[in-house]
Amino acid sequence: MKRKVRTIQQPLLPEGLSQISLSDISNETLVEIGKVTYVDGPIEAEHVRFEEVHFRNVNLTGSKLPFSSWSNSILEDCDLSHVDFSRTRFHRVLFKNCKLAGTDFDQTELRDVYWQECQAPYALFNQMDMRDVCFTNCLLKGANFLDSKWDYVQFGHSTIDDVQFTGTSLKNVDLSNCQFTTIHTNAEEIKGAIISAEQAVSFIELFGVKVKD
């Protein structure tokens, strides 16, 4: 039986957003209905709520925003490397062409989140709860998805070389269009994953079986 394709909901933002500033951001701030194109250095705040906000070409490198909440928002052409998003909730959020090297998404909750052409090497996605999530043309080399649970996650044509999936089931996850030479998993966790015929050799060798030409 062919698996039903589910539609990931896109963020809903009003047109003609006005510029807003994050200069006064602090714990439990509500940031809503606007666009952000400049931030003066890393920001640090907890339990911040972002609703209907479009970040574009913003450098948030090294910022700390744990326990935050994001809904109906877009982060486009942003540098989010080494940002602390741990224990955060994302609902209907688009990450487009963002840099996410080493970014911390540990223990976050994702609902209808789309990652498009993002560079996320060594990002941390551990102990996450993901539902209806899509990575398209993303670089995820060396990323960690330890002990995570998910429902309908797509990796598209992404690079997942050296990704750590220990403790995370890959059942019904389609890896057939992904690029990799090795990933870290085990026989139980890989059971039910969807792979291509060309990838089969890599998986056989992963479990110590040698393929003779």
N, C-alpha and C. Protein backbone atom coordinates (compact mmCIF):
# COMPACT_ATOMS: atom_id res chain seq x y z
N MET A 1 0.84 -1.20 0.00
CA MET A 1 0.00 0.00 0.00
C MET A 1 0.88 1.25 0.00
N LYS A 2 0.60 2.16 -0.93
CA LYS A 2 1.42 3.37 -1.04
C LYS A 2 1.15 4.30 0.13
N ARG A 3 2.23 4.82 0.70
CA ARG A 3 2.10 5.69 1.86
C ARG A 3 1.52 7.04 1.45
N LYS A 4 0.56 7.51 2.20
CA LYS A 4 -0.10 8.77 1.90
C LYS A 4 0.85 9.94 2.13
N VAL A 5 0.89 10.85 1.16
CA VAL A 5 1.73 12.04 1.27
C VAL A 5 0.99 13.09 2.08
N ARG A 6 1.63 13.60 3.10
CA ARG A 6 1.02 14.63 3.92
C ARG A 6 1.57 15.99 3.55
N THR A 7 0.73 16.99 3.62
CA THR A 7 1.12 18.35 3.28
C THR A 7 1.61 19.08 4.52
N ILE A 8 2.81 19.63 4.44
CA ILE A 8 3.35 20.41 5.54
C ILE A 8 2.83 21.84 5.42
N GLN A 9 2.20 22.32 6.46
CA GLN A 9 1.58 23.64 6.43
C GLN A 9 2.64 24.74 6.44
N GLN A 10 2.48 25.70 5.53
CA GLN A 10 3.41 26.82 5.43
C GLN A 10 3.03 27.91 6.43
N PRO A 11 4.01 28.74 6.84
CA PRO A 11 3.69 29.84 7.75
C PRO A 11 2.75 30.85 7.09
N LEU A 12 1.86 31.40 7.88
CA LEU A 12 0.90 32.38 7.40
C LEU A 12 1.26 33.74 7.99
N LEU A 13 1.70 34.66 7.11
CA LEU A 13 2.07 36.00 7.54
C LEU A 13 1.29 37.02 6.73
N PRO A 14 0.91 38.13 7.35
CA PRO A 14 0.23 39.19 6.59
C PRO A 14 1.21 39.88 5.65
N GLU A 15 0.69 40.53 4.63
CA GLU A 15 1.53 41.27 3.69
C GLU A 15 1.86 42.65 4.26
N GLY A 16 2.94 43.24 3.70
CA GLY A 16 3.32 44.59 4.10
C GLY A 16 3.76 44.72 5.54
N LEU A 17 4.59 43.79 6.00
CA LEU A 17 5.05 43.83 7.39
C LEU A 17 5.94 45.05 7.63
N SER A 18 5.78 45.68 8.76
CA SER A 18 6.60 46.83 9.14
C SER A 18 7.86 46.37 9.87
N GLN A 19 8.90 47.20 9.78
CA GLN A 19 10.16 46.90 10.45
C GLN A 19 9.98 46.97 11.96
N ILE A 20 10.55 45.97 12.66
CA ILE A 20 10.53 46.00 14.12
C ILE A 20 11.95 45.78 14.64
N SER A 21 12.20 46.22 15.86
CA SER A 21 13.53 46.13 16.47
C SER A 21 13.51 45.12 17.61
N LEU A 22 14.66 44.48 17.80
CA LEU A 22 14.82 43.57 18.93
C LEU A 22 15.74 44.16 20.00
N SER A 23 15.95 45.46 19.96
CA SER A 23 16.90 46.09 20.89
C SER A 23 16.47 45.98 22.35
N ASP A 24 15.17 45.89 22.59
CA ASP A 24 14.67 45.83 23.96
C ASP A 24 14.20 44.43 24.36
N ILE A 25 14.63 43.43 23.62
CA ILE A 25 14.16 42.08 23.90
C ILE A 25 14.64 41.60 25.27
N SER A 26 13.76 40.93 25.99
CA SER A 26 14.10 40.41 27.31
C SER A 26 13.25 39.16 27.55
N ASN A 27 13.42 38.56 28.70
CA ASN A 27 12.65 37.35 29.02
C ASN A 27 11.15 37.59 28.87
N GLU A 28 10.47 36.63 28.24
CA GLU A 28 9.02 36.62 28.08
C GLU A 28 8.49 37.74 27.19
N THR A 29 9.35 38.32 26.36
CA THR A 29 8.90 39.33 25.41
C THR A 29 8.04 38.69 24.32
N LEU A 30 7.03 39.42 23.85
CA LEU A 30 6.24 39.01 22.69
C LEU A 30 6.70 39.84 21.49
N VAL A 31 7.20 39.15 20.46
CA VAL A 31 7.62 39.81 19.22
C VAL A 31 6.63 39.37 18.15
N GLU A 32 5.87 40.30 17.58
CA GLU A 32 4.81 39.87 16.67
C GLU A 32 4.61 40.82 15.50
N ILE A 33 4.16 40.26 14.41
CA ILE A 33 3.70 40.94 13.20
C ILE A 33 4.69 42.00 12.75
N GLY A 34 5.79 41.56 12.16
CA GLY A 34 6.77 42.50 11.64
C GLY A 34 7.92 41.79 10.97
N LYS A 35 8.86 42.57 10.45
CA LYS A 35 10.05 42.01 9.83
C LYS A 35 11.28 42.53 10.54
N VAL A 36 12.29 41.68 10.62
CA VAL A 36 13.55 42.02 11.28
C VAL A 36 14.66 41.83 10.27
N THR A 37 15.42 42.90 10.02
CA THR A 37 16.52 42.83 9.05
C THR A 37 17.87 43.17 9.67
N TYR A 38 17.87 43.53 10.95
CA TYR A 38 19.15 43.84 11.61
C TYR A 38 19.04 43.56 13.10
N VAL A 39 20.08 42.93 13.63
CA VAL A 39 20.20 42.71 15.07
C VAL A 39 21.61 43.09 15.48
N ASP A 40 21.73 43.88 16.53
CA ASP A 40 23.03 44.36 16.99
C ASP A 40 23.65 43.34 17.94
N GLY A 41 24.39 42.40 17.35
CA GLY A 41 25.10 41.41 18.16
C GLY A 41 24.20 40.30 18.65
N PRO A 42 24.78 39.30 19.34
CA PRO A 42 23.98 38.19 19.87
C PRO A 42 22.95 38.69 20.88
N ILE A 43 21.81 38.03 20.93
CA ILE A 43 20.79 38.38 21.90
C ILE A 43 20.59 37.20 22.85
N GLU A 44 20.20 37.50 24.07
CA GLU A 44 19.98 36.47 25.07
C GLU A 44 18.68 36.75 25.81
N ALA A 45 17.75 35.81 25.72
CA ALA A 45 16.48 35.94 26.43
C ALA A 45 15.79 34.58 26.43
N GLU A 46 15.00 34.33 27.45
CA GLU A 46 14.27 33.07 27.55
C GLU A 46 12.76 33.31 27.44
N HIS A 47 12.06 32.27 27.00
CA HIS A 47 10.60 32.28 26.92
C HIS A 47 10.07 33.43 26.05
N VAL A 48 10.81 33.76 24.99
CA VAL A 48 10.36 34.79 24.05
C VAL A 48 9.38 34.17 23.07
N ARG A 49 8.33 34.91 22.71
CA ARG A 49 7.34 34.43 21.74
C ARG A 49 7.47 35.24 20.45
N PHE A 50 7.69 34.51 19.35
CA PHE A 50 7.77 35.13 18.03
C PHE A 50 6.56 34.68 17.22
N GLU A 51 5.71 35.62 16.84
CA GLU A 51 4.50 35.29 16.09
C GLU A 51 4.38 36.18 14.86
N GLU A 52 4.28 35.55 13.69
CA GLU A 52 4.15 36.25 12.42
C GLU A 52 5.29 37.25 12.22
N VAL A 53 6.51 36.72 12.30
CA VAL A 53 7.71 37.54 12.14
C VAL A 53 8.56 36.98 11.01
N HIS A 54 9.08 37.87 10.16
CA HIS A 54 9.95 37.49 9.05
C HIS A 54 11.36 38.03 9.32
N PHE A 55 12.29 37.14 9.65
CA PHE A 55 13.70 37.50 9.80
C PHE A 55 14.37 37.34 8.44
N ARG A 56 15.08 38.35 7.99
CA ARG A 56 15.77 38.23 6.70
C ARG A 56 17.16 38.85 6.78
N ASN A 57 18.16 38.06 6.38
CA ASN A 57 19.56 38.50 6.34
C ASN A 57 20.02 39.02 7.70
N VAL A 58 19.65 38.30 8.75
CA VAL A 58 19.99 38.69 10.12
C VAL A 58 21.07 37.76 10.66
N ASN A 59 22.04 38.33 11.35
CA ASN A 59 23.10 37.54 11.98
C ASN A 59 22.79 37.39 13.47
N LEU A 60 22.41 36.17 13.85
CA LEU A 60 22.12 35.88 15.25
C LEU A 60 23.15 34.93 15.85
N THR A 61 24.31 34.83 15.23
CA THR A 61 25.34 33.88 15.67
C THR A 61 25.60 33.98 17.17
N GLY A 62 25.55 32.83 17.83
CA GLY A 62 25.86 32.78 19.26
C GLY A 62 24.76 33.26 20.18
N SER A 63 23.59 33.59 19.63
CA SER A 63 22.49 34.05 20.48
C SER A 63 21.95 32.90 21.33
N LYS A 64 21.30 33.25 22.43
CA LYS A 64 20.72 32.24 23.32
C LYS A 64 19.23 32.55 23.48
N LEU A 65 18.40 31.67 22.90
CA LEU A 65 16.95 31.86 22.94
C LEU A 65 16.25 30.56 23.37
N PRO A 66 16.69 29.97 24.48
CA PRO A 66 16.04 28.72 24.92
C PRO A 66 14.61 28.97 25.39
N PHE A 67 13.82 27.92 25.36
CA PHE A 67 12.43 27.97 25.83
C PHE A 67 11.58 28.98 25.05
N SER A 68 12.01 29.36 23.86
CA SER A 68 11.22 30.31 23.09
C SER A 68 10.12 29.60 22.31
N SER A 69 9.25 30.38 21.69
CA SER A 69 8.14 29.84 20.92
C SER A 69 8.04 30.61 19.61
N TRP A 70 7.98 29.87 18.49
CA TRP A 70 7.91 30.49 17.16
C TRP A 70 6.70 29.95 16.43
N SER A 71 5.88 30.83 15.90
CA SER A 71 4.74 30.38 15.11
C SER A 71 4.53 31.29 13.91
N ASN A 72 4.16 30.68 12.78
CA ASN A 72 3.91 31.42 11.54
C ASN A 72 5.02 32.43 11.27
N SER A 73 6.26 31.95 11.25
CA SER A 73 7.41 32.83 11.07
C SER A 73 8.36 32.27 10.02
N ILE A 74 9.16 33.17 9.44
CA ILE A 74 10.14 32.81 8.41
C ILE A 74 11.51 33.33 8.83
N LEU A 75 12.53 32.48 8.71
CA LEU A 75 13.92 32.90 8.90
C LEU A 75 14.62 32.65 7.57
N GLU A 76 14.99 33.71 6.88
CA GLU A 76 15.50 33.62 5.52
C GLU A 76 16.87 34.29 5.40
N ASP A 77 17.82 33.57 4.80
CA ASP A 77 19.18 34.10 4.59
C ASP A 77 19.81 34.57 5.90
N CYS A 78 19.54 33.87 6.98
CA CYS A 78 20.06 34.27 8.29
C CYS A 78 21.23 33.38 8.71
N ASP A 79 22.13 33.95 9.52
CA ASP A 79 23.20 33.16 10.13
C ASP A 79 22.78 32.84 11.56
N LEU A 80 22.42 31.59 11.77
CA LEU A 80 21.95 31.13 13.07
C LEU A 80 22.93 30.14 13.69
N SER A 81 24.18 30.22 13.26
CA SER A 81 25.19 29.29 13.74
C SER A 81 25.38 29.40 15.25
N HIS A 82 25.42 28.25 15.90
CA HIS A 82 25.67 28.15 17.35
C HIS A 82 24.63 28.89 18.19
N VAL A 83 23.45 29.08 17.65
CA VAL A 83 22.36 29.65 18.45
C VAL A 83 21.78 28.56 19.36
N ASP A 84 21.42 28.92 20.57
CA ASP A 84 20.79 27.99 21.51
C ASP A 84 19.27 28.12 21.39
N PHE A 85 18.66 27.16 20.68
CA PHE A 85 17.21 27.08 20.57
C PHE A 85 16.67 25.92 21.40
N SER A 86 17.41 25.46 22.37
CA SER A 86 16.99 24.27 23.12
C SER A 86 15.65 24.50 23.81
N ARG A 87 14.87 23.41 23.87
CA ARG A 87 13.56 23.40 24.54
C ARG A 87 12.60 24.45 23.97
N THR A 88 12.72 24.66 22.67
CA THR A 88 11.89 25.65 21.98
C THR A 88 10.78 24.95 21.20
N ARG A 89 9.70 25.67 20.91
CA ARG A 89 8.60 25.15 20.10
C ARG A 89 8.54 25.92 18.79
N PHE A 90 8.48 25.18 17.68
CA PHE A 90 8.34 25.78 16.35
C PHE A 90 7.07 25.23 15.70
N HIS A 91 6.19 26.12 15.28
CA HIS A 91 4.96 25.70 14.62
C HIS A 91 4.75 26.56 13.37
N ARG A 92 4.68 25.89 12.22
CA ARG A 92 4.57 26.58 10.94
C ARG A 92 5.70 27.59 10.78
N VAL A 93 6.90 27.07 10.70
CA VAL A 93 8.10 27.90 10.56
C VAL A 93 8.89 27.43 9.34
N LEU A 94 9.41 28.39 8.59
CA LEU A 94 10.26 28.11 7.43
C LEU A 94 11.66 28.63 7.68
N PHE A 95 12.66 27.74 7.58
CA PHE A 95 14.07 28.13 7.57
C PHE A 95 14.53 28.05 6.12
N LYS A 96 14.90 29.16 5.53
CA LYS A 96 15.27 29.18 4.11
C LYS A 96 16.68 29.75 3.93
N ASN A 97 17.56 28.93 3.35
CA ASN A 97 18.93 29.34 3.06
C ASN A 97 19.62 29.93 4.29
N CYS A 98 19.50 29.24 5.41
CA CYS A 98 20.12 29.71 6.65
C CYS A 98 21.37 28.91 6.98
N LYS A 99 22.30 29.56 7.69
CA LYS A 99 23.48 28.88 8.22
C LYS A 99 23.17 28.45 9.65
N LEU A 100 23.36 27.15 9.91
CA LEU A 100 22.98 26.59 11.21
C LEU A 100 24.08 25.69 11.76
N ALA A 101 25.32 26.05 11.52
CA ALA A 101 26.44 25.21 11.97
C ALA A 101 26.46 25.12 13.50
N GLY A 102 26.36 23.90 14.01
CA GLY A 102 26.43 23.70 15.45
C GLY A 102 25.27 24.24 16.24
N THR A 103 24.19 24.59 15.59
CA THR A 103 23.03 25.16 16.28
C THR A 103 22.37 24.10 17.17
N ASP A 104 21.91 24.52 18.33
CA ASP A 104 21.37 23.61 19.34
C ASP A 104 19.84 23.63 19.32
N PHE A 105 19.25 22.54 18.79
CA PHE A 105 17.80 22.36 18.81
C PHE A 105 17.39 21.24 19.76
N ASP A 106 18.23 20.90 20.70
CA ASP A 106 17.94 19.79 21.61
C ASP A 106 16.62 20.00 22.35
N GLN A 107 15.84 18.93 22.43
CA GLN A 107 14.59 18.89 23.19
C GLN A 107 13.57 19.92 22.70
N THR A 108 13.61 20.21 21.40
CA THR A 108 12.61 21.11 20.84
C THR A 108 11.42 20.33 20.30
N GLU A 109 10.34 21.04 20.06
CA GLU A 109 9.14 20.47 19.46
C GLU A 109 8.89 21.15 18.12
N LEU A 110 8.79 20.36 17.06
CA LEU A 110 8.59 20.89 15.72
C LEU A 110 7.26 20.39 15.16
N ARG A 111 6.46 21.31 14.67
CA ARG A 111 5.21 20.98 14.00
C ARG A 111 5.12 21.81 12.71
N ASP A 112 5.04 21.12 11.57
CA ASP A 112 4.95 21.81 10.28
C ASP A 112 6.11 22.79 10.11
N VAL A 113 7.31 22.23 10.09
CA VAL A 113 8.53 23.04 9.93
C VAL A 113 9.24 22.62 8.65
N TYR A 114 9.63 23.59 7.86
CA TYR A 114 10.25 23.35 6.56
C TYR A 114 11.65 23.97 6.56
N TRP A 115 12.65 23.13 6.21
CA TRP A 115 14.04 23.58 6.12
C TRP A 115 14.44 23.51 4.64
N GLN A 116 14.75 24.63 4.05
CA GLN A 116 15.04 24.67 2.62
C GLN A 116 16.45 25.22 2.36
N GLU A 117 17.30 24.39 1.76
CA GLU A 117 18.66 24.79 1.35
C GLU A 117 19.43 25.41 2.51
N CYS A 118 19.37 24.76 3.66
CA CYS A 118 20.10 25.24 4.84
C CYS A 118 21.40 24.47 5.03
N GLN A 119 22.40 25.15 5.56
CA GLN A 119 23.69 24.54 5.88
C GLN A 119 23.73 24.31 7.39
N ALA A 120 23.55 23.05 7.79
CA ALA A 120 23.44 22.74 9.22
C ALA A 120 24.40 21.64 9.66
N PRO A 121 25.70 21.77 9.32
CA PRO A 121 26.63 20.73 9.77
C PRO A 121 26.77 20.74 11.29
N TYR A 122 26.81 19.56 11.87
CA TYR A 122 27.03 19.37 13.31
C TYR A 122 25.95 20.02 14.18
N ALA A 123 24.80 20.28 13.59
CA ALA A 123 23.68 20.80 14.39
C ALA A 123 23.17 19.71 15.33
N LEU A 124 22.56 20.12 16.43
CA LEU A 124 22.08 19.20 17.45
C LEU A 124 20.55 19.14 17.41
N PHE A 125 20.04 17.96 17.08
CA PHE A 125 18.60 17.71 17.04
C PHE A 125 18.25 16.55 17.98
N ASN A 126 18.81 16.54 19.15
CA ASN A 126 18.66 15.42 20.07
C ASN A 126 17.38 15.52 20.90
N GLN A 127 16.79 14.36 21.17
CA GLN A 127 15.60 14.27 22.03
C GLN A 127 14.50 15.22 21.57
N MET A 128 14.33 15.28 20.26
CA MET A 128 13.32 16.16 19.69
C MET A 128 12.00 15.42 19.48
N ASP A 129 10.94 16.19 19.38
CA ASP A 129 9.61 15.68 19.04
C ASP A 129 9.20 16.38 17.75
N MET A 130 9.22 15.65 16.62
CA MET A 130 8.98 16.26 15.31
C MET A 130 7.78 15.62 14.62
N ARG A 131 6.92 16.45 14.08
CA ARG A 131 5.81 15.95 13.28
C ARG A 131 5.61 16.86 12.08
N ASP A 132 5.54 16.26 10.91
CA ASP A 132 5.38 16.99 9.65
C ASP A 132 6.51 18.00 9.47
N VAL A 133 7.68 17.45 9.20
CA VAL A 133 8.91 18.23 9.06
C VAL A 133 9.61 17.82 7.76
N CYS A 134 10.13 18.80 7.03
CA CYS A 134 10.79 18.50 5.76
C CYS A 134 12.12 19.24 5.66
N PHE A 135 13.19 18.49 5.34
CA PHE A 135 14.49 19.05 5.01
C PHE A 135 14.67 18.89 3.50
N THR A 136 14.88 19.99 2.78
CA THR A 136 15.05 19.93 1.33
C THR A 136 16.38 20.55 0.94
N ASN A 137 17.23 19.76 0.28
CA ASN A 137 18.54 20.24 -0.18
C ASN A 137 19.34 20.87 0.96
N CYS A 138 19.35 20.20 2.08
CA CYS A 138 20.09 20.71 3.24
C CYS A 138 21.38 19.92 3.47
N LEU A 139 22.39 20.59 4.00
CA LEU A 139 23.63 19.95 4.41
C LEU A 139 23.53 19.66 5.90
N LEU A 140 23.44 18.37 6.24
CA LEU A 140 23.30 17.95 7.64
C LEU A 140 24.49 17.12 8.10
N LYS A 141 25.61 17.24 7.43
CA LYS A 141 26.79 16.44 7.74
C LYS A 141 27.15 16.53 9.22
N GLY A 142 27.29 15.36 9.84
CA GLY A 142 27.72 15.32 11.24
C GLY A 142 26.68 15.75 12.25
N ALA A 143 25.44 15.98 11.80
CA ALA A 143 24.38 16.38 12.74
C ALA A 143 23.99 15.21 13.64
N ASN A 144 23.40 15.52 14.78
CA ASN A 144 22.96 14.50 15.73
C ASN A 144 21.45 14.49 15.87
N PHE A 145 20.84 13.32 15.67
CA PHE A 145 19.42 13.12 15.91
C PHE A 145 19.28 11.99 16.94
N LEU A 146 19.86 12.16 18.09
CA LEU A 146 19.87 11.12 19.12
C LEU A 146 18.55 11.07 19.88
N ASP A 147 18.03 9.85 20.07
CA ASP A 147 16.88 9.63 20.95
C ASP A 147 15.71 10.56 20.64
N SER A 148 15.46 10.77 19.35
CA SER A 148 14.36 11.64 18.93
C SER A 148 13.18 10.80 18.46
N LYS A 149 12.02 11.39 18.51
CA LYS A 149 10.83 10.72 17.97
C LYS A 149 10.19 11.63 16.94
N TRP A 150 9.69 11.00 15.87
CA TRP A 150 9.11 11.81 14.80
C TRP A 150 8.01 11.08 14.08
N ASP A 151 7.18 11.87 13.43
CA ASP A 151 6.08 11.35 12.63
C ASP A 151 6.04 12.15 11.34
N TYR A 152 6.28 11.49 10.24
CA TYR A 152 6.35 12.07 8.90
C TYR A 152 7.44 13.15 8.81
N VAL A 153 8.66 12.68 8.75
CA VAL A 153 9.83 13.53 8.53
C VAL A 153 10.44 13.17 7.19
N GLN A 154 10.72 14.18 6.37
CA GLN A 154 11.29 13.98 5.05
C GLN A 154 12.68 14.61 4.99
N PHE A 155 13.61 13.93 4.31
CA PHE A 155 14.95 14.47 4.15
C PHE A 155 15.27 14.86 2.71
N GLY A 156 14.38 14.57 1.77
CA GLY A 156 14.56 15.00 0.39
C GLY A 156 15.93 14.67 -0.18
N HIS A 157 16.52 15.63 -0.88
CA HIS A 157 17.85 15.48 -1.48
C HIS A 157 18.91 16.10 -0.57
N SER A 158 18.89 15.78 0.68
CA SER A 158 19.84 16.37 1.63
C SER A 158 21.06 15.48 1.82
N THR A 159 22.15 16.10 2.29
CA THR A 159 23.38 15.37 2.62
C THR A 159 23.34 15.01 4.10
N ILE A 160 23.36 13.71 4.38
CA ILE A 160 23.27 13.24 5.77
C ILE A 160 24.50 12.42 6.15
N ASP A 161 25.62 12.69 5.51
CA ASP A 161 26.84 11.93 5.79
C ASP A 161 27.27 12.10 7.24
N ASP A 162 27.60 10.98 7.88
CA ASP A 162 28.11 10.95 9.25
C ASP A 162 27.08 11.45 10.28
N VAL A 163 25.80 11.40 9.91
CA VAL A 163 24.75 11.79 10.85
C VAL A 163 24.52 10.68 11.88
N GLN A 164 24.26 11.09 13.11
CA GLN A 164 24.05 10.16 14.22
C GLN A 164 22.55 10.00 14.46
N PHE A 165 22.04 8.77 14.23
CA PHE A 165 20.62 8.47 14.45
C PHE A 165 20.41 7.50 15.61
N THR A 166 21.40 7.29 16.44
CA THR A 166 21.30 6.32 17.53
C THR A 166 20.11 6.64 18.44
N GLY A 167 19.29 5.62 18.70
CA GLY A 167 18.14 5.80 19.57
C GLY A 167 16.92 6.37 18.87
N THR A 168 17.01 6.55 17.55
CA THR A 168 15.91 7.13 16.77
C THR A 168 15.49 6.17 15.67
N SER A 169 14.24 5.81 15.63
CA SER A 169 13.75 4.89 14.61
C SER A 169 13.64 5.57 13.25
N LEU A 170 14.13 4.88 12.22
CA LEU A 170 14.04 5.39 10.86
C LEU A 170 12.92 4.70 10.07
N LYS A 171 12.04 4.04 10.75
CA LYS A 171 10.94 3.36 10.08
C LYS A 171 10.10 4.35 9.28
N ASN A 172 9.87 4.01 8.00
CA ASN A 172 9.09 4.82 7.06
C ASN A 172 9.75 6.14 6.69
N VAL A 173 11.00 6.36 7.07
CA VAL A 173 11.72 7.56 6.67
C VAL A 173 12.39 7.29 5.33
N ASP A 174 12.13 8.14 4.35
CA ASP A 174 12.66 7.96 2.99
C ASP A 174 14.03 8.62 2.88
N LEU A 175 15.06 7.80 2.77
CA LEU A 175 16.44 8.30 2.62
C LEU A 175 16.95 8.08 1.20
N SER A 176 16.08 7.66 0.30
CA SER A 176 16.51 7.20 -1.02
C SER A 176 17.15 8.28 -1.88
N ASN A 177 16.85 9.54 -1.61
CA ASN A 177 17.45 10.63 -2.40
C ASN A 177 18.55 11.37 -1.64
N CYS A 178 18.91 10.87 -0.46
CA CYS A 178 19.95 11.53 0.34
C CYS A 178 21.34 11.10 -0.10
N GLN A 179 22.31 11.98 0.15
CA GLN A 179 23.70 11.68 -0.16
C GLN A 179 24.45 11.38 1.15
N PHE A 180 25.13 10.22 1.18
CA PHE A 180 25.93 9.88 2.35
C PHE A 180 26.80 8.68 2.02
N THR A 181 27.91 8.57 2.76
CA THR A 181 28.74 7.37 2.67
C THR A 181 28.56 6.52 3.91
N THR A 182 28.26 7.17 5.04
CA THR A 182 27.98 6.41 6.26
C THR A 182 27.06 7.20 7.16
N ILE A 183 26.23 6.50 7.91
CA ILE A 183 25.44 7.10 8.98
C ILE A 183 25.54 6.19 10.19
N HIS A 184 25.20 6.72 11.35
CA HIS A 184 25.34 5.96 12.59
C HIS A 184 23.95 5.53 13.09
N THR A 185 23.72 4.22 13.03
CA THR A 185 22.45 3.65 13.46
C THR A 185 22.69 2.18 13.76
N ASN A 186 21.64 1.44 14.01
CA ASN A 186 21.80 0.00 14.19
C ASN A 186 20.68 -0.74 13.46
N ALA A 187 20.74 -2.05 13.48
CA ALA A 187 19.82 -2.85 12.69
C ALA A 187 18.37 -2.63 13.10
N GLU A 188 18.12 -2.46 14.37
CA GLU A 188 16.75 -2.27 14.84
C GLU A 188 16.21 -0.90 14.42
N GLU A 189 17.03 0.13 14.53
CA GLU A 189 16.58 1.48 14.22
C GLU A 189 16.41 1.72 12.72
N ILE A 190 17.19 1.02 11.89
CA ILE A 190 17.11 1.20 10.45
C ILE A 190 15.97 0.40 9.84
N LYS A 191 15.40 -0.51 10.61
CA LYS A 191 14.35 -1.39 10.10
C LYS A 191 13.16 -0.55 9.60
N GLY A 192 12.77 -0.80 8.36
CA GLY A 192 11.62 -0.09 7.79
C GLY A 192 11.97 1.19 7.08
N ALA A 193 13.25 1.60 7.08
CA ALA A 193 13.66 2.79 6.33
C ALA A 193 13.55 2.53 4.83
N ILE A 194 13.37 3.59 4.07
CA ILE A 194 13.25 3.49 2.62
C ILE A 194 14.56 3.96 2.00
N ILE A 195 15.24 3.08 1.27
CA ILE A 195 16.52 3.42 0.66
C ILE A 195 16.51 3.03 -0.81
N SER A 196 17.50 3.52 -1.55
CA SER A 196 17.63 3.17 -2.97
C SER A 196 18.48 1.92 -3.11
N ALA A 197 18.42 1.32 -4.30
CA ALA A 197 19.23 0.13 -4.56
C ALA A 197 20.71 0.45 -4.44
N GLU A 198 21.11 1.65 -4.88
CA GLU A 198 22.52 2.05 -4.81
C GLU A 198 22.98 2.20 -3.37
N GLN A 199 22.10 2.61 -2.49
CA GLN A 199 22.47 2.79 -1.08
C GLN A 199 22.55 1.47 -0.32
N ALA A 200 21.96 0.44 -0.86
CA ALA A 200 21.89 -0.84 -0.15
C ALA A 200 23.27 -1.36 0.22
N VAL A 201 24.25 -1.16 -0.67
CA VAL A 201 25.61 -1.63 -0.39
C VAL A 201 26.17 -0.95 0.84
N SER A 202 25.95 0.37 0.95
CA SER A 202 26.45 1.11 2.11
C SER A 202 25.84 0.58 3.40
N PHE A 203 24.56 0.24 3.37
CA PHE A 203 23.91 -0.27 4.57
C PHE A 203 24.39 -1.67 4.92
N ILE A 204 24.63 -2.48 3.91
CA ILE A 204 25.15 -3.82 4.16
C ILE A 204 26.52 -3.73 4.83
N GLU A 205 27.39 -2.87 4.31
CA GLU A 205 28.72 -2.70 4.88
C GLU A 205 28.66 -2.07 6.27
N LEU A 206 27.61 -1.29 6.52
CA LEU A 206 27.44 -0.66 7.83
C LEU A 206 27.37 -1.69 8.94
N PHE A 207 26.84 -2.86 8.63
CA PHE A 207 26.68 -3.91 9.62
C PHE A 207 27.73 -5.01 9.47
N GLY A 208 28.86 -4.65 8.84
CA GLY A 208 30.00 -5.55 8.82
C GLY A 208 29.98 -6.62 7.76
N VAL A 209 29.05 -6.54 6.81
CA VAL A 209 28.99 -7.51 5.72
C VAL A 209 29.75 -6.95 4.53
N LYS A 210 30.68 -7.73 3.98
CA LYS A 210 31.48 -7.29 2.85
C LYS A 210 30.83 -7.72 1.55
N VAL A 211 30.81 -6.80 0.59
CA VAL A 211 30.23 -7.08 -0.71
C VAL A 211 31.35 -7.42 -1.68
N LYS A 212 31.28 -8.59 -2.29
CA LYS A 212 32.32 -9.03 -3.23
C LYS A 212 31.92 -8.67 -4.66
N ASP A 213 32.84 -8.04 -5.38
CA ASP A 213 32.56 -7.67 -6.77
C ASP A 213 32.50 -8.92 -7.65
